[in-house]
Amino acid sequence: MPKMKTNRGAAKRFSRTGSGGFKRNQSHRRHILTKKSTKRKRQLRCSMEVHASDVAMVKRMIPYS
């Protein structure tokens, strides 16, 4: 049986947490930042946990994490 391939795009975007979940960064921080408030940009810096309904899909994309 050959090894499963990891989705490299997903491997760069998600990382495993100690409790077994997945961490992700938030979107909307790349461009058009002048119209966004400082508070909004500051809060977008924080990483979030992947929603429970999406965890199965991430696990399938990153089988060896």
C-alpha atoms as a PDB file:
ATOM      1  CA  MET A   1       0.000   0.000   0.000  1.00  0.00           C
ATOM      2  CA  PRO A   2       1.574   3.347  -1.000  1.00  0.00           C
ATOM      3  CA  LYS A   3       1.741   6.291   1.348  1.00  0.00           C
ATOM      4  CA  MET A   4      -1.052   8.851   1.251  1.00  0.00           C
ATOM      5  CA  LYS A   5      -0.177  12.250  -0.173  1.00  0.00           C
ATOM      6  CA  THR A   6      -0.466  15.355   1.971  1.00  0.00           C
ATOM      7  CA  ASN A   7      -2.194  18.369   0.450  1.00  0.00           C
ATOM      8  CA  ARG A   8       0.735  20.808   0.595  1.00  0.00           C
ATOM      9  CA  GLY A   9      -1.486  23.901   0.453  1.00  0.00           C
ATOM     10  CA  ALA A  10      -3.405  22.691   3.496  1.00  0.00           C
ATOM     11  CA  ALA A  11      -0.190  21.734   5.317  1.00  0.00           C
ATOM     12  CA  LYS A  12       0.999  25.342   5.036  1.00  0.00           C
ATOM     13  CA  ARG A  13      -2.320  26.760   6.294  1.00  0.00           C
ATOM     14  CA  PHE A  14      -3.229  24.487   9.206  1.00  0.00           C
ATOM     15  CA  SER A  15      -1.238  23.231  12.177  1.00  0.00           C
ATOM     16  CA  ARG A  16      -2.148  20.748  14.880  1.00  0.00           C
ATOM     17  CA  THR A  17      -2.877  21.943  18.432  1.00  0.00           C
ATOM     18  CA  GLY A  18      -1.926  20.093  21.585  1.00  0.00           C
ATOM     19  CA  SER A  19      -5.514  19.006  22.221  1.00  0.00           C
ATOM     20  CA  GLY A  20      -5.837  17.486  18.744  1.00  0.00           C
ATOM     21  CA  GLY A  21      -7.619  20.312  16.932  1.00  0.00           C
ATOM     22  CA  PHE A  22      -6.307  22.461  14.084  1.00  0.00           C
ATOM     23  CA  LYS A  23      -5.168  26.093  14.160  1.00  0.00           C
ATOM     24  CA  ARG A  24      -5.701  28.477  11.270  1.00  0.00           C
ATOM     25  CA  ASN A  25      -5.000  32.118  10.511  1.00  0.00           C
ATOM     26  CA  GLN A  26      -7.796  34.536   9.720  1.00  0.00           C
ATOM     27  CA  SER A  27      -8.432  35.996   6.281  1.00  0.00           C
ATOM     28  CA  HIS A  28      -8.888  39.632   5.128  1.00  0.00           C
ATOM     29  CA  ARG A  29      -5.413  40.796   6.177  1.00  0.00           C
ATOM     30  CA  ARG A  30      -3.662  40.897   2.781  1.00  0.00           C
ATOM     31  CA  HIS A  31      -4.752  44.099   1.044  1.00  0.00           C
ATOM     32  CA  ILE A  32      -7.273  46.982   1.118  1.00  0.00           C
ATOM     33  CA  LEU A  33      -6.267  47.625   4.732  1.00  0.00           C
ATOM     34  CA  THR A  34      -6.802  51.416   4.750  1.00  0.00           C
ATOM     35  CA  LYS A  35     -10.586  51.188   5.079  1.00  0.00           C
ATOM     36  CA  LYS A  36     -10.412  48.587   7.869  1.00  0.00           C
ATOM     37  CA  SER A  37     -10.261  49.896  11.422  1.00  0.00           C
ATOM     38  CA  THR A  38      -7.215  49.348  13.619  1.00  0.00           C
ATOM     39  CA  LYS A  39      -9.306  47.258  16.005  1.00  0.00           C
ATOM     40  CA  ARG A  40     -10.482  44.986  13.204  1.00  0.00           C
ATOM     41  CA  LYS A  41      -6.944  44.497  11.857  1.00  0.00           C
ATOM     42  CA  ARG A  42      -5.603  43.802  15.347  1.00  0.00           C
ATOM     43  CA  GLN A  43      -8.267  41.175  16.020  1.00  0.00           C
ATOM     44  CA  LEU A  44      -7.566  39.492  12.656  1.00  0.00           C
ATOM     45  CA  ARG A  45      -3.963  38.818  13.781  1.00  0.00           C
ATOM     46  CA  CYS A  46      -5.089  36.133  16.215  1.00  0.00           C
ATOM     47  CA  SER A  47      -5.228  32.548  15.050  1.00  0.00           C
ATOM     48  CA  MET A  48      -8.481  30.632  15.395  1.00  0.00           C
ATOM     49  CA  GLU A  49      -9.362  26.988  15.776  1.00  0.00           C
ATOM     50  CA  VAL A  50     -10.871  25.229  12.748  1.00  0.00           C
ATOM     51  CA  HIS A  51     -14.627  24.755  13.172  1.00  0.00           C
ATOM     52  CA  ALA A  52     -15.757  21.292  14.288  1.00  0.00           C
ATOM     53  CA  SER A  53     -17.636  20.690  11.039  1.00  0.00           C
ATOM     54  CA  ASP A  54     -14.441  21.244   9.002  1.00  0.00           C
ATOM     55  CA  VAL A  55     -12.019  19.167  11.087  1.00  0.00           C
ATOM     56  CA  ALA A  56     -12.734  15.930   9.201  1.00  0.00           C
ATOM     57  CA  MET A  57     -11.882  17.600   5.870  1.00  0.00           C
ATOM     58  CA  VAL A  58      -8.602  18.988   7.249  1.00  0.00           C
ATOM     59  CA  LYS A  59      -7.651  15.587   8.695  1.00  0.00           C
ATOM     60  CA  ARG A  60      -8.191  14.029   5.272  1.00  0.00           C
ATOM     61  CA  MET A  61      -5.928  16.633   3.644  1.00  0.00           C
ATOM     62  CA  ILE A  62      -3.166  16.287   6.280  1.00  0.00           C
ATOM     63  CA  PRO A  63      -3.127  12.551   7.101  1.00  0.00           C
ATOM     64  CA  TYR A  64       0.205  12.423   8.980  1.00  0.00           C
ATOM     65  CA  SER A  65      -0.121  15.492  11.217  1.00  0.00           C
END
